[in-house]
């Protein structure tokens, strides 16, 4: 009898440790893309100056193993599982792991899903985090990542991969610098 593969989605939030460096973020993304691609996990990572919000999608076993690795990663602190469920389709099917900078999200989008205008996923509920991810995924599906990224320039629906400059600014804020 053939085993049934359950497609699962896990959403978690965590705090970045104070010692996080640019190289750490790049290593997280490189390792995620390499490891996730091997086991069929897709997803997205959003982060602010201090917090991560990540969505992992794939088989139950692969998502659980990936999350177990994250729990043991010293670059994450206070890891909170916000949502875990079986799903019929992926929100981010084409990305083994894509980084989007929440600092580039419009104030209106953040306020739509949070009580605060600053992106703080550790203070979001499961429904709000999922709704924000669905909103971002919908924009990308409808318009493509390049167009959604370009919309950031016009102030409409900003969401784009984290550039080197944005990473450095984020890290300066993490270290308490001006950015």
Foldseek 3Di string as FASTA:
>chain_A
DDDDFFKKKWKKKFWFDLPDDLVNVVVVQVVLQVLLVVQVKFWEWEDFLTMIIIMIIDTPVSVVVVVVVVVVDPRTHPMGTQDMDTDDDDLGRPGSYFYKYCVLFALVLCVVLDVDSDDDVVRGHSVSSVVSSNVVSVCCVVPNQVVLCVVSVVRDGHIHGQDPVNSVCSSCVSNVHPD
